[in-house]
Amino acid sequence: MEKIIAILKEIQPDLDTDSKRLIDDQYLDSLSILSLVAELEDAFDVMIPAVEITAKNFNSVEGIYQLVERLKEED
């Protein structure tokens, strides 16, 4: 979880990592999400399919963490 927060802070320094509405409140836009996906794939050695890039998976740190963990298990 700390690694995900660090990546998010690199991409968006003023990000409220406690927010459950990172996309809905426009903390993350499409470009920052693409950067985030690339960083997550590198950091956790996972491939995030386009169908997984949804508000549900990226609206909170917890959602991102659950996505990464699920993808690691599927690998």
C-alpha atoms as a PDB file:
ATOM      1  CA  MET A   1       0.000   0.000   0.000  1.00  0.00           C
ATOM      2  CA  GLU A   2       2.855   2.382   0.847  1.00  0.00           C
ATOM      3  CA  LYS A   3       4.427   1.777  -2.550  1.00  0.00           C
ATOM      4  CA  ILE A   4       1.147   2.661  -4.272  1.00  0.00           C
ATOM      5  CA  ILE A   5       0.850   5.855  -2.223  1.00  0.00           C
ATOM      6  CA  ALA A   6       4.434   6.805  -3.124  1.00  0.00           C
ATOM      7  CA  ILE A   7       3.705   6.279  -6.826  1.00  0.00           C
ATOM      8  CA  LEU A   8       0.520   8.337  -6.585  1.00  0.00           C
ATOM      9  CA  LYS A   9       2.377  11.162  -4.812  1.00  0.00           C
ATOM     10  CA  GLU A  10       5.025  11.186  -7.574  1.00  0.00           C
ATOM     11  CA  ILE A  11       2.333  11.570 -10.218  1.00  0.00           C
ATOM     12  CA  GLN A  12       0.085  13.961  -8.283  1.00  0.00           C
ATOM     13  CA  PRO A  13       1.899  15.553  -5.300  1.00  0.00           C
ATOM     14  CA  ASP A  14      -1.216  17.256  -3.884  1.00  0.00           C
ATOM     15  CA  LEU A  15      -3.268  14.057  -3.962  1.00  0.00           C
ATOM     16  CA  ASP A  16      -5.455  13.217  -0.968  1.00  0.00           C
ATOM     17  CA  THR A  17      -4.630   9.528  -0.602  1.00  0.00           C
ATOM     18  CA  ASP A  18      -7.491   9.074   1.894  1.00  0.00           C
ATOM     19  CA  SER A  19     -10.035  10.059  -0.742  1.00  0.00           C
ATOM     20  CA  LYS A  20     -12.436   7.402  -1.995  1.00  0.00           C
ATOM     21  CA  ARG A  21     -13.152   9.548  -5.063  1.00  0.00           C
ATOM     22  CA  LEU A  22      -9.781  10.076  -6.750  1.00  0.00           C
ATOM     23  CA  ILE A  23     -11.320  10.037 -10.213  1.00  0.00           C
ATOM     24  CA  ASP A  24     -14.739  11.440  -9.335  1.00  0.00           C
ATOM     25  CA  ASP A  25     -13.162  14.448  -7.607  1.00  0.00           C
ATOM     26  CA  GLN A  26     -10.701  14.839 -10.502  1.00  0.00           C
ATOM     27  CA  TYR A  27      -7.530  14.196  -8.522  1.00  0.00           C
ATOM     28  CA  LEU A  28      -6.642  11.799 -11.336  1.00  0.00           C
ATOM     29  CA  ASP A  29      -7.275  12.593 -14.992  1.00  0.00           C
ATOM     30  CA  SER A  30      -6.771  10.359 -18.002  1.00  0.00           C
ATOM     31  CA  LEU A  31      -3.089  11.246 -18.429  1.00  0.00           C
ATOM     32  CA  SER A  32      -2.262  10.691 -14.775  1.00  0.00           C
ATOM     33  CA  ILE A  33      -4.109   7.367 -14.857  1.00  0.00           C
ATOM     34  CA  LEU A  34      -2.018   6.248 -17.838  1.00  0.00           C
ATOM     35  CA  SER A  35       1.144   7.243 -15.961  1.00  0.00           C
ATOM     36  CA  LEU A  36      -0.120   5.442 -12.875  1.00  0.00           C
ATOM     37  CA  VAL A  37      -0.863   2.269 -14.843  1.00  0.00           C
ATOM     38  CA  ALA A  38       2.652   2.270 -16.334  1.00  0.00           C
ATOM     39  CA  GLU A  39       4.256   2.836 -12.917  1.00  0.00           C
ATOM     40  CA  LEU A  40       2.139   0.117 -11.280  1.00  0.00           C
ATOM     41  CA  GLU A  41       2.982  -2.362 -14.028  1.00  0.00           C
ATOM     42  CA  ASP A  42       6.693  -1.687 -13.555  1.00  0.00           C
ATOM     43  CA  ALA A  43       6.650  -1.630  -9.761  1.00  0.00           C
ATOM     44  CA  PHE A  44       4.544  -4.761  -9.251  1.00  0.00           C
ATOM     45  CA  ASP A  45       5.410  -6.709 -12.416  1.00  0.00           C
ATOM     46  CA  VAL A  46       1.780  -6.983 -13.513  1.00  0.00           C
ATOM     47  CA  MET A  47      -0.077  -6.215 -16.733  1.00  0.00           C
ATOM     48  CA  ILE A  48      -3.181  -4.075 -16.256  1.00  0.00           C
ATOM     49  CA  PRO A  49      -5.627  -4.762 -19.105  1.00  0.00           C
ATOM     50  CA  ALA A  50      -7.585  -1.815 -20.506  1.00  0.00           C
ATOM     51  CA  VAL A  51     -10.855  -3.344 -19.239  1.00  0.00           C
ATOM     52  CA  GLU A  52      -9.527  -3.005 -15.662  1.00  0.00           C
ATOM     53  CA  ILE A  53      -8.967   0.753 -15.977  1.00  0.00           C
ATOM     54  CA  THR A  54     -12.249   1.761 -14.378  1.00  0.00           C
ATOM     55  CA  ALA A  55     -13.344   4.242 -11.724  1.00  0.00           C
ATOM     56  CA  LYS A  56     -14.106   1.309  -9.419  1.00  0.00           C
ATOM     57  CA  ASN A  57     -10.488   0.150  -9.556  1.00  0.00           C
ATOM     58  CA  PHE A  58      -8.839   3.583  -9.470  1.00  0.00           C
ATOM     59  CA  ASN A  59     -11.106   5.734  -7.254  1.00  0.00           C
ATOM     60  CA  SER A  60      -9.164   4.932  -4.067  1.00  0.00           C
ATOM     61  CA  VAL A  61      -5.812   3.640  -2.879  1.00  0.00           C
ATOM     62  CA  GLU A  62      -7.625   0.574  -1.555  1.00  0.00           C
ATOM     63  CA  GLY A  63      -9.192  -0.084  -4.958  1.00  0.00           C
ATOM     64  CA  ILE A  64      -5.809   0.189  -6.668  1.00  0.00           C
ATOM     65  CA  TYR A  65      -4.249  -2.105  -4.065  1.00  0.00           C
ATOM     66  CA  GLN A  66      -6.999  -4.713  -4.518  1.00  0.00           C
ATOM     67  CA  LEU A  67      -6.579  -4.573  -8.300  1.00  0.00           C
ATOM     68  CA  VAL A  68      -2.808  -5.060  -8.090  1.00  0.00           C
ATOM     69  CA  GLU A  69      -3.161  -7.924  -5.603  1.00  0.00           C
ATOM     70  CA  ARG A  70      -5.774  -9.649  -7.766  1.00  0.00           C
ATOM     71  CA  LEU A  71      -3.622  -9.311 -10.877  1.00  0.00           C
ATOM     72  CA  LYS A  72      -0.586 -10.660  -9.035  1.00  0.00           C
ATOM     73  CA  GLU A  73      -2.589 -13.706  -7.929  1.00  0.00           C
ATOM     74  CA  GLU A  74      -3.876 -14.329 -11.459  1.00  0.00           C
ATOM     75  CA  ASP A  75      -0.347 -14.235 -12.857  1.00  0.00           C
END
